[in-house]
Amino acid sequence: MTEPSPNPTPLLRTLSLAQITLYGIGTILGAGIYVLVGEVANIAGSHMPLAFVLAALVVSFSAYSYGHLSRLYPVSAGEPIYVQQAFALKSLSTAVGYAIVFAGVVSAATIARGFSGYFAVFFELADALTISLLIIVLTSIAAWGVKLSVTVAIITTLLELLGLAFVIYAGADKLPALFNNPDSSLIPDSLIAWQGVGAGAFLAFYAFIGFEDMVNMAEEVKQPEKNMPRGILLALVTACLLYFIVTLCALAAVPLQELAASKAPLVLVVEQNTSIPIALMTSISIVAVVNGALLQIIMASRVLYGMGKKRMAPGFLATVHPRRQTPLIATLLVGTLVLSAALLAPLVTLAQATSGTILCIFTLVNLALLRLNWRDLRRNFMALAIPACGAVICIGFLLMQFWL
């Protein structure tokens, strides 16, 4: 295994609390919310807003573990380092790191394929050409510098937020009628209704995945011991509030049956209740797709960089470009893997395995914090109960995924 250079160039520590928080919001929101609202509405019905709140509560246990561990170990390749510090099993830690890279590559490749369908609405190009151009551009942005990468990610995140603002605008004036309508049951009043909320929360859980990517930017964040936990908390709370308000407005603006049947439910809300051009909302959906792919490329390259630095992967992956101060080789490798997967690999099975992989990683991170707290005599109730609950919840969700 290649050794890193004796005096390696460090990553550029430039990201503020606001920047890492917006980065986190972008990774959580992604393009999923523009589609997932309809699917959750189909399961939870008018209790959809409560399902998203319950999902946020479930995710918060794992987010606590990530935030606490990112304060203790503010480094790239966060999860492998957390697992290594807790269990001292290099093979397990290395497997965790490569699993994260796998999930990021498959996610970005899946997103790139989805982008070609959106892009065809405006321009007719061969799918392979569209996918190739997209991944080359995104890899170039990621390789050019963290300032450019995060600036692009923040701009696209703000555009995603603009799209959600359109939805809130479309439904805000109809909220009083929703609250006053006796047929609109927002609070479950039966066991069957609560079961629907639970099933909806299981699906909505995946709308909150993404905060974990933030920890892999730790070496590029100013004062990471303080700003990483705060950024994770702020990103998760912001996403929860947005999901709750957006789903309420969507319920108020469009009949539940139409919302549940639509493949683009938020676009439907805006189309039926405003004069905002549909092309604009479609363009925002495309931007959300592009943002998701860019963030996955950035994240996976930082994991490989961190693994190379800790000798869990070939040392050349820890090489940082002296002028750009980005992990150039790791970024180019990730871009190549994403392009290959998008063009060549059958992604359906791999994409289905991605969410299971992430749940396994969440479980190990929660168990890592539990073990570290026990070993270091931080044995008060909260220090042990929160990561233990996080691990149990993730195992339960993993079993449900195979059961359903």
Protein backbone atom coordinates (compact mmCIF):
# COMPACT_ATOMS: atom_id res chain seq x y z
CA MET A 1 0.00 0.00 0.00
CA THR A 2 1.41 3.34 -1.06
CA GLU A 3 2.55 5.68 1.70
CA PRO A 4 1.34 9.29 1.67
CA SER A 5 3.99 11.97 1.32
CA PRO A 6 5.78 13.09 4.54
CA ASN A 7 4.38 16.65 4.41
CA PRO A 8 1.10 16.28 2.55
CA THR A 9 -0.91 19.28 1.39
CA PRO A 10 -3.93 19.64 3.68
CA LEU A 11 -7.49 20.18 2.57
CA LEU A 12 -8.58 23.81 2.53
CA ARG A 13 -10.35 24.61 5.83
CA THR A 14 -12.76 27.24 4.56
CA LEU A 15 -16.38 26.27 5.34
CA SER A 16 -18.32 28.27 7.94
CA LEU A 17 -21.23 27.04 10.05
CA ALA A 18 -23.70 28.58 7.59
CA GLN A 19 -22.00 26.91 4.61
CA ILE A 20 -21.81 23.43 6.13
CA THR A 21 -25.43 23.77 7.29
CA LEU A 22 -26.61 24.68 3.78
CA TYR A 23 -24.48 21.83 2.43
CA GLY A 24 -26.27 19.50 4.86
CA ILE A 25 -29.71 20.83 3.94
CA GLY A 26 -28.88 20.18 0.30
CA THR A 27 -27.85 16.58 1.00
CA ILE A 28 -31.03 15.93 2.99
CA LEU A 29 -33.53 17.59 0.65
CA GLY A 30 -32.12 16.34 -2.64
CA ALA A 31 -34.64 15.52 -5.35
CA GLY A 32 -36.49 12.97 -3.22
CA ILE A 33 -38.93 15.36 -1.58
CA TYR A 34 -40.28 16.37 -5.00
CA VAL A 35 -41.45 12.77 -5.51
CA LEU A 36 -41.69 11.26 -2.04
CA VAL A 37 -44.60 13.43 -0.86
CA GLY A 38 -47.01 11.53 -3.11
CA GLU A 39 -45.78 8.13 -1.97
CA VAL A 40 -46.05 9.01 1.73
CA ALA A 41 -49.52 10.53 1.13
CA ASN A 42 -50.58 7.25 -0.47
CA ILE A 43 -49.63 5.38 2.72
CA ALA A 44 -50.32 7.85 5.56
CA GLY A 45 -53.15 9.83 3.96
CA SER A 46 -53.95 13.13 5.63
CA HIS A 47 -51.59 12.17 8.47
CA MET A 48 -48.62 12.67 6.13
CA PRO A 49 -47.18 15.70 8.02
CA LEU A 50 -47.12 13.67 11.23
CA ALA A 51 -45.35 10.82 9.40
CA PHE A 52 -42.54 13.18 8.40
CA VAL A 53 -42.23 14.50 11.97
CA LEU A 54 -42.09 10.94 13.32
CA ALA A 55 -39.41 10.08 10.75
CA ALA A 56 -37.36 13.10 11.88
CA LEU A 57 -37.66 11.93 15.49
CA VAL A 58 -36.46 8.46 14.49
CA VAL A 59 -33.50 9.87 12.53
CA SER A 60 -32.55 12.23 15.37
CA PHE A 61 -31.08 9.36 17.44
CA SER A 62 -28.55 8.55 14.72
CA ALA A 63 -27.98 12.26 14.02
CA TYR A 64 -27.06 12.69 17.70
CA SER A 65 -24.45 9.93 17.39
CA TYR A 66 -23.01 11.46 14.22
CA GLY A 67 -22.89 14.92 15.78
CA HIS A 68 -21.20 13.70 18.95
CA LEU A 69 -18.64 11.58 17.10
CA SER A 70 -17.87 14.36 14.62
CA ARG A 71 -16.94 16.54 17.60
CA LEU A 72 -14.62 13.86 19.00
CA TYR A 73 -13.07 12.95 15.62
CA PRO A 74 -13.45 15.85 13.14
CA VAL A 75 -11.84 14.08 10.16
CA SER A 76 -12.72 12.97 6.64
CA ALA A 77 -13.87 9.35 6.31
CA GLY A 78 -15.74 9.90 9.55
CA GLU A 79 -17.62 6.60 9.84
CA PRO A 80 -14.61 4.30 9.31
CA ILE A 81 -12.67 6.30 11.90
CA TYR A 82 -15.54 6.13 14.41
CA VAL A 83 -15.79 2.35 13.97
CA GLN A 84 -12.02 1.94 14.20
CA GLN A 85 -11.80 4.00 17.39
CA ALA A 86 -14.58 1.99 18.99
CA PHE A 87 -13.84 -1.57 17.91
CA ALA A 88 -10.19 -1.50 16.73
CA LEU A 89 -11.07 -3.79 13.81
CA LYS A 90 -9.33 -2.45 10.73
CA SER A 91 -11.09 -4.87 8.39
CA LEU A 92 -14.52 -3.75 9.66
CA SER A 93 -13.57 -0.07 9.47
CA THR A 94 -12.25 -0.50 5.93
CA ALA A 95 -15.42 -2.34 4.90
CA VAL A 96 -17.52 0.52 6.30
CA GLY A 97 -15.50 3.07 4.30
CA TYR A 98 -15.85 1.19 1.04
CA ALA A 99 -19.57 0.63 1.74
CA ILE A 100 -20.04 4.41 2.02
CA VAL A 101 -18.18 4.94 -1.26
CA PHE A 102 -20.31 2.22 -2.88
CA ALA A 103 -23.51 3.90 -1.68
CA GLY A 104 -22.33 7.29 -2.93
CA VAL A 105 -21.28 5.97 -6.34
CA VAL A 106 -24.53 4.06 -6.89
CA SER A 107 -26.61 7.01 -5.71
CA ALA A 108 -24.81 9.44 -8.03
CA ALA A 109 -25.05 7.01 -10.95
CA THR A 110 -28.78 6.50 -10.36
CA ILE A 111 -29.29 10.27 -10.17
CA ALA A 112 -27.33 10.75 -13.41
CA ARG A 113 -29.60 8.29 -15.19
CA GLY A 114 -32.65 10.10 -13.86
CA PHE A 115 -31.22 13.41 -15.05
CA SER A 116 -31.13 12.20 -18.65
CA GLY A 117 -34.92 11.73 -18.56
CA TYR A 118 -35.51 15.26 -17.24
CA PHE A 119 -33.01 16.75 -19.69
CA ALA A 120 -34.77 15.12 -22.64
CA VAL A 121 -37.79 17.36 -21.97
CA PHE A 122 -35.70 20.34 -23.12
CA PHE A 123 -33.01 18.88 -25.39
CA GLU A 124 -32.90 15.66 -27.40
CA LEU A 125 -29.52 13.99 -26.85
CA ALA A 126 -28.50 10.36 -26.54
CA ASP A 127 -28.75 9.22 -22.91
CA ALA A 128 -25.12 8.09 -22.84
CA LEU A 129 -23.94 11.50 -24.04
CA THR A 130 -26.11 13.39 -21.56
CA ILE A 131 -24.96 11.21 -18.65
CA SER A 132 -21.30 11.48 -19.66
CA LEU A 133 -21.41 15.27 -19.99
CA LEU A 134 -23.16 15.65 -16.63
CA ILE A 135 -20.70 13.48 -14.71
CA ILE A 136 -17.66 15.07 -16.37
CA VAL A 137 -18.91 18.57 -15.47
CA LEU A 138 -19.75 17.60 -11.87
CA THR A 139 -16.42 15.80 -11.37
CA SER A 140 -14.59 18.85 -12.72
CA ILE A 141 -16.43 21.12 -10.28
CA ALA A 142 -15.62 18.78 -7.38
CA ALA A 143 -11.96 18.63 -8.41
CA TRP A 144 -11.54 22.37 -8.99
CA GLY A 145 -11.84 23.41 -5.35
CA VAL A 146 -14.02 23.10 -2.28
CA LYS A 147 -15.06 26.76 -2.49
CA LEU A 148 -16.45 26.28 -6.00
CA SER A 149 -17.97 22.89 -5.16
CA VAL A 150 -19.76 24.12 -2.05
CA THR A 151 -20.78 27.40 -3.72
CA VAL A 152 -22.45 25.45 -6.53
CA ALA A 153 -24.04 23.12 -3.98
CA ILE A 154 -25.35 26.06 -1.94
CA ILE A 155 -26.75 27.83 -5.01
CA THR A 156 -28.57 24.69 -6.11
CA THR A 157 -29.80 24.14 -2.54
CA LEU A 158 -31.22 27.68 -2.51
CA LEU A 159 -33.01 26.91 -5.79
CA GLU A 160 -34.45 23.74 -4.21
CA LEU A 161 -35.66 25.87 -1.31
CA LEU A 162 -37.22 28.28 -3.81
CA GLY A 163 -39.21 25.39 -5.26
CA LEU A 164 -40.47 24.47 -1.78
CA ALA A 165 -41.31 28.15 -1.19
CA PHE A 166 -43.51 28.02 -4.31
CA VAL A 167 -45.38 25.07 -2.78
CA ILE A 168 -45.86 26.94 0.51
CA TYR A 169 -47.08 29.99 -1.43
CA ALA A 170 -49.53 27.80 -3.36
CA GLY A 171 -51.12 26.32 -0.24
CA ALA A 172 -50.66 28.85 2.55
CA ASP A 173 -53.95 30.68 2.02
CA LYS A 174 -55.83 27.36 2.04
CA LEU A 175 -54.48 26.18 5.41
CA PRO A 176 -57.35 27.67 7.48
CA ALA A 177 -59.87 25.67 5.41
CA LEU A 178 -57.80 22.52 5.95
CA PHE A 179 -57.71 23.00 9.73
CA ASN A 180 -61.42 23.82 9.89
CA ASN A 181 -62.55 20.94 7.69
CA PRO A 182 -63.94 18.17 9.93
CA ASP A 183 -63.19 15.61 7.20
CA SER A 184 -59.47 16.49 7.23
CA SER A 185 -58.10 14.36 10.04
CA LEU A 186 -54.54 15.47 10.74
CA ILE A 187 -54.28 13.58 14.06
CA PRO A 188 -54.80 9.77 14.02
CA ASP A 189 -57.82 8.62 15.99
CA SER A 190 -57.49 4.86 15.59
CA LEU A 191 -54.91 2.07 15.69
CA ILE A 192 -55.20 1.58 11.92
CA ALA A 193 -54.50 5.27 11.36
CA TRP A 194 -51.42 5.11 13.60
CA GLN A 195 -50.22 2.07 11.65
CA GLY A 196 -50.49 4.19 8.49
CA VAL A 197 -48.43 6.92 10.15
CA GLY A 198 -45.79 4.35 11.13
CA ALA A 199 -45.63 2.93 7.61
CA GLY A 200 -45.44 6.44 6.18
CA ALA A 201 -42.65 7.33 8.62
CA PHE A 202 -40.72 4.24 7.47
CA LEU A 203 -40.78 5.63 3.92
CA ALA A 204 -40.24 9.25 5.01
CA PHE A 205 -37.14 8.11 6.94
CA TYR A 206 -35.26 8.04 3.65
CA ALA A 207 -36.12 11.70 3.00
CA PHE A 208 -33.87 12.59 5.96
CA ILE A 209 -30.86 10.52 4.92
CA GLY A 210 -28.00 12.78 3.87
CA PHE A 211 -26.93 14.44 7.11
CA GLU A 212 -24.34 11.67 7.51
CA ASP A 213 -22.49 12.97 4.44
CA MET A 214 -21.66 16.17 6.33
CA VAL A 215 -19.11 14.52 8.62
CA ASN A 216 -16.89 13.68 5.67
CA MET A 217 -16.34 17.42 5.09
CA ALA A 218 -14.98 17.91 8.63
CA GLU A 219 -11.41 18.68 7.54
CA GLU A 220 -12.70 21.55 5.39
CA VAL A 221 -14.87 23.12 8.12
CA LYS A 222 -13.69 25.91 10.41
CA GLN A 223 -13.76 24.94 14.10
CA PRO A 224 -15.26 21.52 13.28
CA GLU A 225 -15.50 20.47 16.94
CA LYS A 226 -18.22 23.11 17.36
CA ASN A 227 -19.58 23.64 13.87
CA MET A 228 -20.08 20.02 12.78
CA PRO A 229 -22.56 19.05 15.56
CA ARG A 230 -24.32 22.39 15.23
CA GLY A 231 -24.51 22.08 11.46
CA ILE A 232 -26.01 18.58 11.66
CA LEU A 233 -28.61 19.75 14.17
CA LEU A 234 -29.53 22.87 12.20
CA ALA A 235 -29.77 20.96 8.90
CA LEU A 236 -32.01 18.26 10.38
CA VAL A 237 -34.31 20.71 12.20
CA THR A 238 -34.61 22.90 9.09
CA ALA A 239 -35.46 19.89 6.91
CA CYS A 240 -38.08 18.70 9.41
CA LEU A 241 -39.78 22.10 9.57
CA LEU A 242 -39.74 22.41 5.78
CA TYR A 243 -41.19 18.94 5.26
CA PHE A 244 -43.92 19.59 7.83
CA ILE A 245 -44.97 22.94 6.34
CA VAL A 246 -44.68 21.76 2.72
CA THR A 247 -46.78 18.65 3.32
CA LEU A 248 -49.45 20.66 5.13
CA CYS A 249 -49.62 23.14 2.25
CA ALA A 250 -49.73 20.32 -0.30
CA LEU A 251 -52.66 18.70 1.54
CA ALA A 252 -54.45 22.05 1.67
CA ALA A 253 -53.89 22.84 -2.01
CA VAL A 254 -54.62 19.53 -3.79
CA PRO A 255 -57.11 16.74 -3.05
CA LEU A 256 -55.41 13.84 -1.27
CA GLN A 257 -56.26 11.32 -4.01
CA GLU A 258 -54.64 13.45 -6.72
CA LEU A 259 -51.59 14.11 -4.55
CA ALA A 260 -51.10 10.39 -3.85
CA ALA A 261 -51.48 9.45 -7.51
CA SER A 262 -49.06 12.04 -8.91
CA LYS A 263 -45.46 11.22 -9.83
CA ALA A 264 -44.59 14.91 -9.42
CA PRO A 265 -46.86 15.98 -6.55
CA LEU A 266 -45.20 19.29 -5.72
CA VAL A 267 -45.22 20.35 -9.36
CA LEU A 268 -48.94 19.50 -9.36
CA VAL A 269 -49.53 21.73 -6.31
CA VAL A 270 -47.87 24.70 -8.01
CA GLU A 271 -49.54 24.03 -11.37
CA GLN A 272 -53.08 23.94 -9.94
CA ASN A 273 -52.79 26.88 -7.55
CA THR A 274 -50.42 29.47 -9.04
CA SER A 275 -49.44 31.06 -12.31
CA ILE A 276 -45.79 30.07 -11.83
CA PRO A 277 -44.56 28.45 -15.07
CA ILE A 278 -44.37 24.67 -14.85
CA ALA A 279 -41.11 24.81 -16.79
CA LEU A 280 -39.61 26.70 -13.84
CA MET A 281 -40.65 24.01 -11.33
CA THR A 282 -39.39 21.30 -13.69
CA SER A 283 -36.08 23.14 -13.98
CA ILE A 284 -35.81 23.31 -10.18
CA SER A 285 -36.40 19.55 -10.05
CA ILE A 286 -33.53 19.11 -12.51
CA VAL A 287 -31.33 21.34 -10.35
CA ALA A 288 -32.20 19.20 -7.31
CA VAL A 289 -31.13 16.10 -9.24
CA VAL A 290 -27.82 17.69 -10.26
CA ASN A 291 -27.15 18.86 -6.70
CA GLY A 292 -27.65 15.34 -5.34
CA ALA A 293 -25.12 13.86 -7.78
CA LEU A 294 -22.53 16.57 -7.07
CA LEU A 295 -22.79 16.12 -3.30
CA GLN A 296 -22.37 12.34 -3.60
CA ILE A 297 -19.20 12.76 -5.70
CA ILE A 298 -17.76 15.22 -3.17
CA MET A 299 -18.66 12.97 -0.24
CA ALA A 300 -17.27 9.74 -1.72
CA SER A 301 -13.99 11.40 -2.72
CA ARG A 302 -13.51 12.70 0.85
CA VAL A 303 -14.10 9.22 2.25
CA LEU A 304 -11.44 7.75 -0.04
CA TYR A 305 -9.10 10.62 0.86
CA GLY A 306 -9.62 10.02 4.57
CA MET A 307 -9.15 6.27 4.20
CA GLY A 308 -5.92 6.80 2.26
CA LYS A 309 -4.69 9.17 4.96
CA LYS A 310 -5.38 6.56 7.66
CA ARG A 311 -3.89 3.74 5.56
CA MET A 312 -7.22 1.96 5.15
CA ALA A 313 -6.88 2.46 1.38
CA PRO A 314 -3.95 3.08 -1.01
CA GLY A 315 -1.98 6.12 0.15
CA PHE A 316 -2.12 7.87 -3.23
CA LEU A 317 -5.83 8.51 -2.61
CA ALA A 318 -4.76 10.96 0.12
CA THR A 319 -2.91 13.10 -2.43
CA VAL A 320 -4.14 16.71 -2.37
CA HIS A 321 -3.56 19.03 -5.30
CA PRO A 322 -1.17 21.78 -4.10
CA ARG A 323 -3.09 24.64 -5.74
CA ARG A 324 -6.68 23.44 -5.72
CA GLN A 325 -6.33 21.78 -2.26
CA THR A 326 -8.78 19.04 -3.22
CA PRO A 327 -8.21 15.25 -3.19
CA LEU A 328 -7.72 15.20 -6.94
CA ILE A 329 -6.97 11.50 -7.51
CA ALA A 330 -9.79 10.37 -5.23
CA THR A 331 -12.22 12.74 -6.96
CA LEU A 332 -11.25 11.58 -10.46
CA LEU A 333 -11.53 7.94 -9.35
CA VAL A 334 -15.02 8.51 -7.93
CA GLY A 335 -16.09 10.34 -11.09
CA THR A 336 -14.83 7.44 -13.22
CA LEU A 337 -16.68 4.89 -11.06
CA VAL A 338 -19.90 6.91 -11.23
CA LEU A 339 -19.65 7.22 -15.01
CA SER A 340 -18.94 3.49 -15.40
CA ALA A 341 -21.83 2.52 -13.12
CA ALA A 342 -24.24 4.89 -14.85
CA LEU A 343 -23.38 3.60 -18.33
CA LEU A 344 -22.68 -0.06 -17.73
CA ALA A 345 -24.05 -1.46 -14.46
CA PRO A 346 -27.58 -2.78 -13.84
CA LEU A 347 -28.46 -0.27 -11.14
CA VAL A 348 -31.85 -1.53 -9.94
CA THR A 349 -30.49 -4.18 -7.57
CA LEU A 350 -27.56 -1.99 -6.50
CA ALA A 351 -29.86 0.95 -5.74
CA GLN A 352 -32.09 -1.26 -3.62
CA ALA A 353 -29.03 -2.40 -1.67
CA THR A 354 -27.91 1.19 -1.02
CA SER A 355 -30.53 1.99 1.62
CA GLY A 356 -29.78 -1.28 3.42
CA THR A 357 -26.08 -0.43 3.35
CA ILE A 358 -26.74 2.99 4.87
CA LEU A 359 -28.86 1.46 7.65
CA CYS A 360 -26.04 -0.98 8.48
CA ILE A 361 -23.60 1.95 8.67
CA PHE A 362 -26.01 3.91 10.91
CA THR A 363 -26.23 0.88 13.20
CA LEU A 364 -22.45 0.60 13.49
CA VAL A 365 -22.03 4.34 14.14
CA ASN A 366 -24.59 4.21 16.96
CA LEU A 367 -22.90 1.13 18.43
CA ALA A 368 -19.52 2.87 18.12
CA LEU A 369 -20.69 5.81 20.24
CA LEU A 370 -22.30 3.43 22.73
CA ARG A 371 -19.05 1.48 23.11
CA LEU A 372 -16.91 4.62 23.35
CA ASN A 373 -19.16 6.12 26.03
CA TRP A 374 -19.11 2.88 28.01
CA ARG A 375 -15.35 2.46 27.67
CA ASP A 376 -14.58 6.06 28.61
CA LEU A 377 -16.90 5.89 31.65
CA ARG A 378 -19.47 8.28 30.16
CA ARG A 379 -22.17 6.03 31.53
CA ASN A 380 -24.99 8.43 32.34
CA PHE A 381 -28.41 7.40 31.09
CA MET A 382 -28.57 9.72 28.04
CA ALA A 383 -25.04 8.92 26.86
CA LEU A 384 -25.96 5.24 26.64
CA ALA A 385 -29.68 5.33 25.89
CA ILE A 386 -29.59 7.58 22.81
CA PRO A 387 -27.07 5.59 20.73
CA ALA A 388 -28.64 2.32 21.95
CA CYS A 389 -32.06 3.50 20.74
CA GLY A 390 -30.51 4.64 17.47
CA ALA A 391 -28.99 1.20 16.88
CA VAL A 392 -32.22 -0.63 17.74
CA ILE A 393 -34.27 1.64 15.44
CA CYS A 394 -31.87 1.14 12.53
CA ILE A 395 -31.88 -2.64 13.00
CA GLY A 396 -35.68 -2.55 13.11
CA PHE A 397 -35.85 -0.50 9.90
CA LEU A 398 -33.36 -2.85 8.25
CA LEU A 399 -35.49 -5.87 9.15
CA MET A 400 -38.63 -4.10 7.95
CA GLN A 401 -36.94 -3.38 4.63
CA PHE A 402 -36.39 -7.09 4.04
CA TRP A 403 -39.82 -7.99 5.43
CA LEU A 404 -41.87 -5.55 3.31
